[in-house]
Amino acid sequence: MLAGSCHCGAVRFRVDAPIAELTTCDCSLCVKRNARDGEGSARDLTVLEGEAMLTLYEWNTRVAKHYFCRRCGIYVFHRKRSAPDHFGVNVFCLEGFDAASGAERSHVFMLTQ
């Protein structure tokens, strides 16, 4: 089990599975927020406190659901566009998690003209 929170502590959550792989993404949002994500099944993510403090951000297809703390603005996790039954969690929000410990996979999105 991994415990996590936003910067101000209003949003607290836990991940009930190990994070074995980290992801960086080069979509327009991820480039600007510069987070490294750990991925897992949606059933393994539980919001413990502060669900009302989460703000949802969607764009384009509106399939991906990006959640931020409405008080401190920190991105905490998202539902994935490519796999809506999975989440990506900002590993920098996880207590004691070593972001250098997991294998990293980068997403590359090709633009068509």
PDB file of N, CA and C in Angstrom:
ATOM      1  N   MET A   1       0.836  -1.183   0.000  1.00  0.00           N
ATOM      2  CA  MET A   1       0.000   0.000   0.000  1.00  0.00           C
ATOM      3  C   MET A   1       0.882   1.248   0.000  1.00  0.00           C
ATOM      4  N   LEU A   2       0.511   2.214  -0.832  1.00  0.00           N
ATOM      5  CA  LEU A   2       1.214   3.487  -0.889  1.00  0.00           C
ATOM      6  C   LEU A   2       0.240   4.596  -0.515  1.00  0.00           C
ATOM      7  N   ALA A   3       0.641   5.475   0.382  1.00  0.00           N
ATOM      8  CA  ALA A   3      -0.184   6.622   0.775  1.00  0.00           C
ATOM      9  C   ALA A   3       0.258   7.832  -0.027  1.00  0.00           C
ATOM     10  N   GLY A   4      -0.712   8.679  -0.369  1.00  0.00           N
ATOM     11  CA  GLY A   4      -0.380   9.883  -1.117  1.00  0.00           C
ATOM     12  C   GLY A   4      -1.267  11.045  -0.733  1.00  0.00           C
ATOM     13  N   SER A   5      -0.821  12.248  -1.087  1.00  0.00           N
ATOM     14  CA  SER A   5      -1.612  13.448  -0.823  1.00  0.00           C
ATOM     15  C   SER A   5      -1.155  14.564  -1.738  1.00  0.00           C
ATOM     16  N   CYS A   6      -1.981  15.592  -1.809  1.00  0.00           N
ATOM     17  CA  CYS A   6      -1.590  16.811  -2.510  1.00  0.00           C
ATOM     18  C   CYS A   6      -0.637  17.595  -1.595  1.00  0.00           C
ATOM     19  N   HIS A   7      -0.215  18.770  -2.007  1.00  0.00           N
ATOM     20  CA  HIS A   7       0.729  19.574  -1.226  1.00  0.00           C
ATOM     21  C   HIS A   7       0.141  20.046   0.100  1.00  0.00           C
ATOM     22  N   CYS A   8      -1.109  20.516   0.084  1.00  0.00           N
ATOM     23  CA  CYS A   8      -1.697  21.074   1.303  1.00  0.00           C
ATOM     24  C   CYS A   8      -2.304  20.002   2.208  1.00  0.00           C
ATOM     25  N   GLY A   9      -2.435  18.763   1.718  1.00  0.00           N
ATOM     26  CA  GLY A   9      -2.980  17.673   2.522  1.00  0.00           C
ATOM     27  C   GLY A   9      -4.487  17.545   2.492  1.00  0.00           C
ATOM     28  N   ALA A  10      -5.171  18.401   1.750  1.00  0.00           N
ATOM     29  CA  ALA A  10      -6.631  18.331   1.691  1.00  0.00           C
ATOM     30  C   ALA A  10      -7.106  17.059   0.996  1.00  0.00           C
ATOM     31  N   VAL A  11      -6.339  16.587   0.003  1.00  0.00           N
ATOM     32  CA  VAL A  11      -6.670  15.361  -0.723  1.00  0.00           C
ATOM     33  C   VAL A  11      -5.688  14.279  -0.284  1.00  0.00           C
ATOM     34  N   ARG A  12      -6.237  13.186   0.237  1.00  0.00           N
ATOM     35  CA  ARG A  12      -5.408  12.045   0.652  1.00  0.00           C
ATOM     36  C   ARG A  12      -5.956  10.802  -0.040  1.00  0.00           C
ATOM     37  N   PHE A  13      -5.047   9.964  -0.497  1.00  0.00           N
ATOM     38  CA  PHE A  13      -5.456   8.763  -1.219  1.00  0.00           C
ATOM     39  C   PHE A  13      -4.468   7.643  -0.942  1.00  0.00           C
ATOM     40  N   ARG A  14      -4.838   6.438  -1.394  1.00  0.00           N
ATOM     41  CA  ARG A  14      -3.906   5.316  -1.281  1.00  0.00           C
ATOM     42  C   ARG A  14      -3.979   4.489  -2.557  1.00  0.00           C
ATOM     43  N   VAL A  15      -2.860   3.845  -2.836  1.00  0.00           N
ATOM     44  CA  VAL A  15      -2.738   2.937  -3.971  1.00  0.00           C
ATOM     45  C   VAL A  15      -2.470   1.556  -3.375  1.00  0.00           C
ATOM     46  N   ASP A  16      -3.335   0.599  -3.686  1.00  0.00           N
ATOM     47  CA  ASP A  16      -3.251  -0.733  -3.090  1.00  0.00           C
ATOM     48  C   ASP A  16      -2.551  -1.754  -3.982  1.00  0.00           C
ATOM     49  N   ALA A  17      -1.605  -1.313  -4.769  1.00  0.00           N
ATOM     50  CA  ALA A  17      -0.825  -2.214  -5.620  1.00  0.00           C
ATOM     51  C   ALA A  17       0.542  -1.576  -5.832  1.00  0.00           C
ATOM     52  N   PRO A  18       1.550  -2.386  -6.039  1.00  0.00           N
ATOM     53  CA  PRO A  18       2.874  -1.805  -6.292  1.00  0.00           C
ATOM     54  C   PRO A  18       2.906  -1.080  -7.627  1.00  0.00           C
ATOM     55  N   ILE A  19       3.710  -0.042  -7.693  1.00  0.00           N
ATOM     56  CA  ILE A  19       3.919   0.679  -8.948  1.00  0.00           C
ATOM     57  C   ILE A  19       5.249   0.209  -9.522  1.00  0.00           C
ATOM     58  N   ALA A  20       5.154  -0.550 -10.593  1.00  0.00           N
ATOM     59  CA  ALA A  20       6.350  -1.158 -11.174  1.00  0.00           C
ATOM     60  C   ALA A  20       6.892  -0.369 -12.348  1.00  0.00           C
ATOM     61  N   GLU A  21       6.026   0.432 -12.977  1.00  0.00           N
ATOM     62  CA  GLU A  21       6.451   1.152 -14.166  1.00  0.00           C
ATOM     63  C   GLU A  21       6.033   2.612 -14.064  1.00  0.00           C
ATOM     64  N   LEU A  22       6.935   3.498 -14.435  1.00  0.00           N
ATOM     65  CA  LEU A  22       6.658   4.934 -14.447  1.00  0.00           C
ATOM     66  C   LEU A  22       6.524   5.391 -15.888  1.00  0.00           C
ATOM     67  N   THR A  23       5.720   6.417 -16.082  1.00  0.00           N
ATOM     68  CA  THR A  23       5.450   6.908 -17.423  1.00  0.00           C
ATOM     69  C   THR A  23       5.663   8.408 -17.490  1.00  0.00           C
ATOM     70  N   THR A  24       6.284   8.851 -18.545  1.00  0.00           N
ATOM     71  CA  THR A  24       6.276  10.265 -18.895  1.00  0.00           C
ATOM     72  C   THR A  24       5.529  10.356 -20.212  1.00  0.00           C
ATOM     73  N   CYS A  25       4.807  11.404 -20.386  1.00  0.00           N
ATOM     74  CA  CYS A  25       3.952  11.571 -21.555  1.00  0.00           C
ATOM     75  C   CYS A  25       4.264  12.912 -22.195  1.00  0.00           C
ATOM     76  N   ASP A  26       4.177  12.981 -23.516  1.00  0.00           N
ATOM     77  CA  ASP A  26       4.451  14.252 -24.165  1.00  0.00           C
ATOM     78  C   ASP A  26       3.197  14.888 -24.775  1.00  0.00           C
ATOM     79  N   CYS A  27       2.012  14.567 -24.205  1.00  0.00           N
ATOM     80  CA  CYS A  27       0.817  15.294 -24.628  1.00  0.00           C
ATOM     81  C   CYS A  27       0.923  16.732 -24.112  1.00  0.00           C
ATOM     82  N   SER A  28       0.095  17.613 -24.607  1.00  0.00           N
ATOM     83  CA  SER A  28       0.212  19.039 -24.269  1.00  0.00           C
ATOM     84  C   SER A  28       0.060  19.305 -22.772  1.00  0.00           C
ATOM     85  N   LEU A  29      -0.789  18.579 -22.067  1.00  0.00           N
ATOM     86  CA  LEU A  29      -0.964  18.793 -20.630  1.00  0.00           C
ATOM     87  C   LEU A  29       0.234  18.265 -19.839  1.00  0.00           C
ATOM     88  N   CYS A  30       0.644  17.051 -20.141  1.00  0.00           N
ATOM     89  CA  CYS A  30       1.739  16.431 -19.377  1.00  0.00           C
ATOM     90  C   CYS A  30       3.055  17.179 -19.528  1.00  0.00           C
ATOM     91  N   VAL A  31       3.301  17.703 -20.700  1.00  0.00           N
ATOM     92  CA  VAL A  31       4.526  18.486 -20.898  1.00  0.00           C
ATOM     93  C   VAL A  31       4.522  19.696 -19.980  1.00  0.00           C
ATOM     94  N   LYS A  32       3.398  20.359 -19.852  1.00  0.00           N
ATOM     95  CA  LYS A  32       3.333  21.564 -19.020  1.00  0.00           C
ATOM     96  C   LYS A  32       3.322  21.258 -17.522  1.00  0.00           C
ATOM     97  N   ARG A  33       2.757  20.117 -17.113  1.00  0.00           N
ATOM     98  CA  ARG A  33       2.722  19.809 -15.680  1.00  0.00           C
ATOM     99  C   ARG A  33       3.951  19.031 -15.225  1.00  0.00           C
ATOM    100  N   ASN A  34       4.679  18.433 -16.159  1.00  0.00           N
ATOM    101  CA  ASN A  34       5.962  17.776 -15.901  1.00  0.00           C
ATOM    102  C   ASN A  34       5.908  16.763 -14.762  1.00  0.00           C
ATOM    103  N   ALA A  35       4.851  15.965 -14.734  1.00  0.00           N
ATOM    104  CA  ALA A  35       4.735  14.930 -13.697  1.00  0.00           C
ATOM    105  C   ALA A  35       5.217  13.597 -14.246  1.00  0.00           C
ATOM    106  N   ARG A  36       5.623  12.744 -13.355  1.00  0.00           N
ATOM    107  CA  ARG A  36       5.958  11.359 -13.692  1.00  0.00           C
ATOM    108  C   ARG A  36       4.854  10.513 -13.070  1.00  0.00           C
ATOM    109  N   ASP A  37       4.252   9.662 -13.876  1.00  0.00           N
ATOM    110  CA  ASP A  37       3.092   8.893 -13.432  1.00  0.00           C
ATOM    111  C   ASP A  37       3.421   7.437 -13.184  1.00  0.00           C
ATOM    112  N   GLY A  38       2.820   6.902 -12.129  1.00  0.00           N
ATOM    113  CA  GLY A  38       2.771   5.467 -11.908  1.00  0.00           C
ATOM    114  C   GLY A  38       1.386   5.018 -12.327  1.00  0.00           C
ATOM    115  N   GLU A  39       1.296   3.854 -12.905  1.00  0.00           N
ATOM    116  CA  GLU A  39       0.017   3.405 -13.437  1.00  0.00           C
ATOM    117  C   GLU A  39      -0.513   2.208 -12.680  1.00  0.00           C
ATOM    118  N   GLY A  40      -1.846   2.058 -12.701  1.00  0.00           N
ATOM    119  CA  GLY A  40      -2.470   0.910 -12.055  1.00  0.00           C
ATOM    120  C   GLY A  40      -3.933   0.808 -12.401  1.00  0.00           C
ATOM    121  N   SER A  41      -4.561  -0.245 -11.920  1.00  0.00           N
ATOM    122  CA  SER A  41      -5.974  -0.471 -12.131  1.00  0.00           C
ATOM    123  C   SER A  41      -6.786   0.492 -11.260  1.00  0.00           C
ATOM    124  N   ALA A  42      -7.895   0.978 -11.800  1.00  0.00           N
ATOM    125  CA  ALA A  42      -8.740   1.922 -11.058  1.00  0.00           C
ATOM    126  C   ALA A  42      -9.207   1.347  -9.722  1.00  0.00           C
ATOM    127  N   ARG A  43      -9.367   0.047  -9.634  1.00  0.00           N
ATOM    128  CA  ARG A  43      -9.826  -0.561  -8.372  1.00  0.00           C
ATOM    129  C   ARG A  43      -8.783  -0.442  -7.257  1.00  0.00           C
ATOM    130  N   ASP A  44      -7.530  -0.135  -7.617  1.00  0.00           N
ATOM    131  CA  ASP A  44      -6.463  -0.026  -6.625  1.00  0.00           C
ATOM    132  C   ASP A  44      -6.231   1.395  -6.114  1.00  0.00           C
ATOM    133  N   LEU A  45      -7.018   2.356  -6.586  1.00  0.00           N
ATOM    134  CA  LEU A  45      -6.896   3.753  -6.143  1.00  0.00           C
ATOM    135  C   LEU A  45      -8.101   4.121  -5.295  1.00  0.00           C
ATOM    136  N   THR A  46      -7.849   4.574  -4.064  1.00  0.00           N
ATOM    137  CA  THR A  46      -8.932   4.952  -3.155  1.00  0.00           C
ATOM    138  C   THR A  46      -8.670   6.357  -2.629  1.00  0.00           C
ATOM    139  N   VAL A  47      -9.654   7.246  -2.785  1.00  0.00           N
ATOM    140  CA  VAL A  47      -9.573   8.573  -2.183  1.00  0.00           C
ATOM    141  C   VAL A  47     -10.045   8.430  -0.739  1.00  0.00           C
ATOM    142  N   LEU A  48      -9.170   8.770   0.202  1.00  0.00           N
ATOM    143  CA  LEU A  48      -9.468   8.625   1.624  1.00  0.00           C
ATOM    144  C   LEU A  48     -10.105   9.872   2.221  1.00  0.00           C
ATOM    145  N   GLU A  49      -9.626  11.033   1.794  1.00  0.00           N
ATOM    146  CA  GLU A  49     -10.133  12.321   2.282  1.00  0.00           C
ATOM    147  C   GLU A  49     -10.068  13.343   1.164  1.00  0.00           C
ATOM    148  N   GLY A  50     -11.011  14.264   1.194  1.00  0.00           N
ATOM    149  CA  GLY A  50     -10.946  15.417   0.310  1.00  0.00           C
ATOM    150  C   GLY A  50     -11.489  15.226  -1.088  1.00  0.00           C
ATOM    151  N   GLU A  51     -12.350  14.247  -1.289  1.00  0.00           N
ATOM    152  CA  GLU A  51     -12.907  14.056  -2.632  1.00  0.00           C
ATOM    153  C   GLU A  51     -13.594  15.334  -3.129  1.00  0.00           C
ATOM    154  N   ALA A  52     -14.234  16.072  -2.232  1.00  0.00           N
ATOM    155  CA  ALA A  52     -14.894  17.330  -2.609  1.00  0.00           C
ATOM    156  C   ALA A  52     -13.887  18.417  -2.981  1.00  0.00           C
ATOM    157  N   MET A  53     -12.623  18.235  -2.599  1.00  0.00           N
ATOM    158  CA  MET A  53     -11.574  19.211  -2.929  1.00  0.00           C
ATOM    159  C   MET A  53     -10.950  18.962  -4.302  1.00  0.00           C
ATOM    160  N   LEU A  54     -11.342  17.876  -4.959  1.00  0.00           N
ATOM    161  CA  LEU A  54     -10.788  17.573  -6.279  1.00  0.00           C
ATOM    162  C   LEU A  54     -11.487  18.371  -7.357  1.00  0.00           C
ATOM    163  N   THR A  55     -10.705  18.923  -8.251  1.00  0.00           N
ATOM    164  CA  THR A  55     -11.211  19.615  -9.426  1.00  0.00           C
ATOM    165  C   THR A  55     -10.879  18.775 -10.642  1.00  0.00           C
ATOM    166  N   LEU A  56     -11.845  18.591 -11.514  1.00  0.00           N
ATOM    167  CA  LEU A  56     -11.682  17.786 -12.718  1.00  0.00           C
ATOM    168  C   LEU A  56     -11.327  18.666 -13.904  1.00  0.00           C
ATOM    169  N   TYR A  57     -10.329  18.234 -14.669  1.00  0.00           N
ATOM    170  CA  TYR A  57      -9.984  18.917 -15.909  1.00  0.00           C
ATOM    171  C   TYR A  57     -10.064  17.914 -17.050  1.00  0.00           C
ATOM    172  N   GLU A  58     -10.812  18.273 -18.096  1.00  0.00           N
ATOM    173  CA  GLU A  58     -10.954  17.448 -19.290  1.00  0.00           C
ATOM    174  C   GLU A  58     -10.750  18.324 -20.519  1.00  0.00           C
ATOM    175  N   TRP A  59     -10.311  17.723 -21.591  1.00  0.00           N
ATOM    176  CA  TRP A  59     -10.240  18.439 -22.854  1.00  0.00           C
ATOM    177  C   TRP A  59     -10.326  17.425 -23.982  1.00  0.00           C
ATOM    178  N   ASN A  60     -10.416  17.906 -25.203  1.00  0.00           N
ATOM    179  CA  ASN A  60     -10.451  17.105 -26.415  1.00  0.00           C
ATOM    180  C   ASN A  60     -11.557  16.052 -26.333  1.00  0.00           C
ATOM    181  N   THR A  61     -11.230  14.760 -26.247  1.00  0.00           N
ATOM    182  CA  THR A  61     -12.249  13.697 -26.247  1.00  0.00           C
ATOM    183  C   THR A  61     -13.003  13.594 -24.934  1.00  0.00           C
ATOM    184  N   ARG A  62     -12.511  14.188 -23.883  1.00  0.00           N
ATOM    185  CA  ARG A  62     -13.088  14.152 -22.541  1.00  0.00           C
ATOM    186  C   ARG A  62     -13.139  12.738 -21.942  1.00  0.00           C
ATOM    187  N   VAL A  63     -12.335  11.838 -22.463  1.00  0.00           N
ATOM    188  CA  VAL A  63     -12.263  10.488 -21.898  1.00  0.00           C
ATOM    189  C   VAL A  63     -11.315  10.487 -20.702  1.00  0.00           C
ATOM    190  N   ALA A  64     -10.158  11.105 -20.852  1.00  0.00           N
ATOM    191  CA  ALA A  64      -9.211  11.216 -19.730  1.00  0.00           C
ATOM    192  C   ALA A  64      -9.787  12.194 -18.704  1.00  0.00           C
ATOM    193  N   LYS A  65      -9.611  11.882 -17.447  1.00  0.00           N
ATOM    194  CA  LYS A  65     -10.110  12.706 -16.337  1.00  0.00           C
ATOM    195  C   LYS A  65      -8.930  13.062 -15.449  1.00  0.00           C
ATOM    196  N   HIS A  66      -8.500  14.305 -15.473  1.00  0.00           N
ATOM    197  CA  HIS A  66      -7.346  14.767 -14.701  1.00  0.00           C
ATOM    198  C   HIS A  66      -7.834  15.486 -13.449  1.00  0.00           C
ATOM    199  N   TYR A  67      -7.342  15.056 -12.277  1.00  0.00           N
ATOM    200  CA  TYR A  67      -7.799  15.602 -11.003  1.00  0.00           C
ATOM    201  C   TYR A  67      -6.699  16.394 -10.312  1.00  0.00           C
ATOM    202  N   PHE A  68      -7.085  17.568  -9.828  1.00  0.00           N
ATOM    203  CA  PHE A  68      -6.190  18.498  -9.140  1.00  0.00           C
ATOM    204  C   PHE A  68      -6.838  18.900  -7.821  1.00  0.00           C
ATOM    205  N   CYS A  69      -6.031  19.235  -6.834  1.00  0.00           N
ATOM    206  CA  CYS A  69      -6.570  19.784  -5.593  1.00  0.00           C
ATOM    207  C   CYS A  69      -7.008  21.218  -5.857  1.00  0.00           C
ATOM    208  N   ARG A  70      -8.228  21.553  -5.493  1.00  0.00           N
ATOM    209  CA  ARG A  70      -8.730  22.909  -5.749  1.00  0.00           C
ATOM    210  C   ARG A  70      -8.097  23.947  -4.823  1.00  0.00           C
ATOM    211  N   ARG A  71      -7.478  23.519  -3.722  1.00  0.00           N
ATOM    212  CA  ARG A  71      -6.827  24.471  -2.815  1.00  0.00           C
ATOM    213  C   ARG A  71      -5.390  24.756  -3.243  1.00  0.00           C
ATOM    214  N   CYS A  72      -4.561  23.737  -3.403  1.00  0.00           N
ATOM    215  CA  CYS A  72      -3.144  23.976  -3.704  1.00  0.00           C
ATOM    216  C   CYS A  72      -2.796  23.830  -5.183  1.00  0.00           C
ATOM    217  N   GLY A  73      -3.710  23.255  -5.982  1.00  0.00           N
ATOM    218  CA  GLY A  73      -3.503  23.159  -7.420  1.00  0.00           C
ATOM    219  C   GLY A  73      -2.671  21.982  -7.893  1.00  0.00           C
ATOM    220  N   ILE A  74      -2.268  21.109  -6.990  1.00  0.00           N
ATOM    221  CA  ILE A  74      -1.405  19.993  -7.374  1.00  0.00           C
ATOM    222  C   ILE A  74      -2.202  18.917  -8.106  1.00  0.00           C
ATOM    223  N   TYR A  75      -1.642  18.451  -9.238  1.00  0.00           N
ATOM    224  CA  TYR A  75      -2.188  17.306  -9.963  1.00  0.00           C
ATOM    225  C   TYR A  75      -1.878  16.060  -9.133  1.00  0.00           C
ATOM    226  N   VAL A  76      -2.912  15.261  -8.816  1.00  0.00           N
ATOM    227  CA  VAL A  76      -2.702  14.069  -8.007  1.00  0.00           C
ATOM    228  C   VAL A  76      -2.840  12.772  -8.811  1.00  0.00           C
ATOM    229  N   PHE A  77      -3.853  12.682  -9.659  1.00  0.00           N
ATOM    230  CA  PHE A  77      -4.021  11.470 -10.466  1.00  0.00           C
ATOM    231  C   PHE A  77      -4.984  11.735 -11.610  1.00  0.00           C
ATOM    232  N   HIS A  78      -5.069  10.766 -12.517  1.00  0.00           N
ATOM    233  CA  HIS A  78      -6.014  10.880 -13.624  1.00  0.00           C
ATOM    234  C   HIS A  78      -6.494   9.498 -14.068  1.00  0.00           C
ATOM    235  N   ARG A  79      -7.667   9.483 -14.669  1.00  0.00           N
ATOM    236  CA  ARG A  79      -8.169   8.304 -15.380  1.00  0.00           C
ATOM    237  C   ARG A  79      -7.598   8.405 -16.785  1.00  0.00           C
ATOM    238  N   LYS A  80      -7.114   7.297 -17.298  1.00  0.00           N
ATOM    239  CA  LYS A  80      -6.400   7.306 -18.563  1.00  0.00           C
ATOM    240  C   LYS A  80      -7.340   7.295 -19.763  1.00  0.00           C
ATOM    241  N   ARG A  81      -6.996   8.057 -20.795  1.00  0.00           N
ATOM    242  CA  ARG A  81      -7.757   8.055 -22.044  1.00  0.00           C
ATOM    243  C   ARG A  81      -7.628   6.709 -22.741  1.00  0.00           C
ATOM    244  N   SER A  82      -6.409   6.186 -22.797  1.00  0.00           N
ATOM    245  CA  SER A  82      -6.160   4.942 -23.519  1.00  0.00           C
ATOM    246  C   SER A  82      -6.670   3.711 -22.776  1.00  0.00           C
ATOM    247  N   ALA A  83      -6.907   3.843 -21.487  1.00  0.00           N
ATOM    248  CA  ALA A  83      -7.403   2.727 -20.665  1.00  0.00           C
ATOM    249  C   ALA A  83      -8.218   3.317 -19.515  1.00  0.00           C
ATOM    250  N   PRO A  84      -9.481   3.693 -19.759  1.00  0.00           N
ATOM    251  CA  PRO A  84     -10.281   4.378 -18.734  1.00  0.00           C
ATOM    252  C   PRO A  84     -10.479   3.589 -17.447  1.00  0.00           C
ATOM    253  N   ASP A  85     -10.197   2.298 -17.451  1.00  0.00           N
ATOM    254  CA  ASP A  85     -10.304   1.501 -16.237  1.00  0.00           C
ATOM    255  C   ASP A  85      -8.983   1.496 -15.454  1.00  0.00           C
ATOM    256  N   HIS A  86      -8.048   2.340 -15.865  1.00  0.00           N
ATOM    257  CA  HIS A  86      -6.758   2.488 -15.190  1.00  0.00           C
ATOM    258  C   HIS A  86      -6.533   3.946 -14.800  1.00  0.00           C
ATOM    259  N   PHE A  87      -5.600   4.158 -13.894  1.00  0.00           N
ATOM    260  CA  PHE A  87      -5.258   5.500 -13.468  1.00  0.00           C
ATOM    261  C   PHE A  87      -3.768   5.729 -13.658  1.00  0.00           C
ATOM    262  N   GLY A  88      -3.412   6.982 -13.676  1.00  0.00           N
ATOM    263  CA  GLY A  88      -2.027   7.409 -13.562  1.00  0.00           C
ATOM    264  C   GLY A  88      -1.964   8.275 -12.316  1.00  0.00           C
ATOM    265  N   VAL A  89      -0.999   8.047 -11.457  1.00  0.00           N
ATOM    266  CA  VAL A  89      -0.869   8.826 -10.232  1.00  0.00           C
ATOM    267  C   VAL A  89       0.456   9.573 -10.269  1.00  0.00           C
ATOM    268  N   ASN A  90       0.446  10.805  -9.817  1.00  0.00           N
ATOM    269  CA  ASN A  90       1.664  11.612  -9.739  1.00  0.00           C
ATOM    270  C   ASN A  90       2.527  11.008  -8.632  1.00  0.00           C
ATOM    271  N   VAL A  91       3.616  10.319  -9.010  1.00  0.00           N
ATOM    272  CA  VAL A  91       4.419   9.614  -8.003  1.00  0.00           C
ATOM    273  C   VAL A  91       5.083  10.568  -7.018  1.00  0.00           C
ATOM    274  N   PHE A  92       5.207  11.839  -7.370  1.00  0.00           N
ATOM    275  CA  PHE A  92       5.776  12.808  -6.439  1.00  0.00           C
ATOM    276  C   PHE A  92       4.815  13.130  -5.299  1.00  0.00           C
ATOM    277  N   CYS A  93       3.548  12.691  -5.416  1.00  0.00           N
ATOM    278  CA  CYS A  93       2.571  12.849  -4.341  1.00  0.00           C
ATOM    279  C   CYS A  93       2.560  11.653  -3.390  1.00  0.00           C
ATOM    280  N   LEU A  94       3.293  10.600  -3.711  1.00  0.00           N
ATOM    281  CA  LEU A  94       3.314   9.390  -2.880  1.00  0.00           C
ATOM    282  C   LEU A  94       4.364   9.506  -1.791  1.00  0.00           C
ATOM    283  N   GLU A  95       3.970   9.231  -0.566  1.00  0.00           N
ATOM    284  CA  GLU A  95       4.875   9.345   0.579  1.00  0.00           C
ATOM    285  C   GLU A  95       5.963   8.279   0.520  1.00  0.00           C
ATOM    286  N   GLY A  96       7.224   8.710   0.542  1.00  0.00           N
ATOM    287  CA  GLY A  96       8.350   7.792   0.589  1.00  0.00           C
ATOM    288  C   GLY A  96       8.627   7.041  -0.692  1.00  0.00           C
ATOM    289  N   PHE A  97       7.970   7.380  -1.787  1.00  0.00           N
ATOM    290  CA  PHE A  97       8.196   6.674  -3.050  1.00  0.00           C
ATOM    291  C   PHE A  97       9.453   7.210  -3.717  1.00  0.00           C
ATOM    292  N   ASP A  98      10.318   6.330  -4.157  1.00  0.00           N
ATOM    293  CA  ASP A  98      11.542   6.712  -4.862  1.00  0.00           C
ATOM    294  C   ASP A  98      11.245   6.743  -6.359  1.00  0.00           C
ATOM    295  N   ALA A  99      11.100   7.942  -6.903  1.00  0.00           N
ATOM    296  CA  ALA A  99      10.742   8.102  -8.317  1.00  0.00           C
ATOM    297  C   ALA A  99      11.823   7.575  -9.253  1.00  0.00           C
ATOM    298  N   ALA A 100      13.016   7.332  -8.746  1.00  0.00           N
ATOM    299  CA  ALA A 100      14.091   6.784  -9.576  1.00  0.00           C
ATOM    300  C   ALA A 100      14.099   5.254  -9.533  1.00  0.00           C
ATOM    301  N   SER A 101      13.156   4.651  -8.797  1.00  0.00           N
ATOM    302  CA  SER A 101      13.207   3.212  -8.563  1.00  0.00           C
ATOM    303  C   SER A 101      12.555   2.360  -9.644  1.00  0.00           C
ATOM    304  N   GLY A 102      11.652   2.911 -10.406  1.00  0.00           N
ATOM    305  CA  GLY A 102      10.908   2.088 -11.365  1.00  0.00           C
ATOM    306  C   GLY A 102      11.411   2.225 -12.781  1.00  0.00           C
ATOM    307  N   ALA A 103      11.100   1.235 -13.584  1.00  0.00           N
ATOM    308  CA  ALA A 103      11.403   1.312 -15.008  1.00  0.00           C
ATOM    309  C   ALA A 103      10.541   2.410 -15.620  1.00  0.00           C
ATOM    310  N   GLU A 104      11.093   3.145 -16.548  1.00  0.00           N
ATOM    311  CA  GLU A 104      10.343   4.255 -17.136  1.00  0.00           C
ATOM    312  C   GLU A 104      10.045   3.974 -18.594  1.00  0.00           C
ATOM    313  N   ARG A 105       8.819   4.291 -18.964  1.00  0.00           N
ATOM    314  CA  ARG A 105       8.368   4.159 -20.341  1.00  0.00           C
ATOM    315  C   ARG A 105       7.851   5.513 -20.770  1.00  0.00           C
ATOM    316  N   SER A 106       8.252   5.974 -21.925  1.00  0.00           N
ATOM    317  CA  SER A 106       7.792   7.264 -22.434  1.00  0.00           C
ATOM    318  C   SER A 106       6.741   7.041 -23.508  1.00  0.00           C
ATOM    319  N   HIS A 107       5.701   7.838 -23.464  1.00  0.00           N
ATOM    320  CA  HIS A 107       4.696   7.844 -24.521  1.00  0.00           C
ATOM    321  C   HIS A 107       5.147   8.833 -25.579  1.00  0.00           C
ATOM    322  N   VAL A 108       4.970   8.491 -26.816  1.00  0.00           N
ATOM    323  CA  VAL A 108       5.271   9.412 -27.895  1.00  0.00           C
ATOM    324  C   VAL A 108       4.021   9.491 -28.768  1.00  0.00           C
ATOM    325  N   PHE A 109       3.487  10.679 -28.909  1.00  0.00           N
ATOM    326  CA  PHE A 109       2.316  10.886 -29.732  1.00  0.00           C
ATOM    327  C   PHE A 109       2.731  11.542 -31.035  1.00  0.00           C
ATOM    328  N   MET A 110       2.332  10.946 -32.141  1.00  0.00           N
ATOM    329  CA  MET A 110       2.685  11.487 -33.445  1.00  0.00           C
ATOM    330  C   MET A 110       1.566  12.397 -33.922  1.00  0.00           C
ATOM    331  N   LEU A 111       1.918  13.527 -34.424  1.00  0.00           N
ATOM    332  CA  LEU A 111       0.949  14.464 -34.981  1.00  0.00           C
ATOM    333  C   LEU A 111       0.836  14.232 -36.471  1.00  0.00           C
ATOM    334  N   THR A 112      -0.389  14.147 -36.963  1.00  0.00           N
ATOM    335  CA  THR A 112      -0.582  14.013 -38.406  1.00  0.00           C
ATOM    336  C   THR A 112      -0.912  15.371 -38.956  1.00  0.00           C
ATOM    337  N   GLN A 113      -0.492  15.574 -40.180  1.00  0.00           N
ATOM    338  CA  GLN A 113      -0.713  16.894 -40.790  1.00  0.00           C
ATOM    339  C   GLN A 113      -1.686  16.834 -41.920  1.00  0.00           C
TER     340      GLN A 113
END
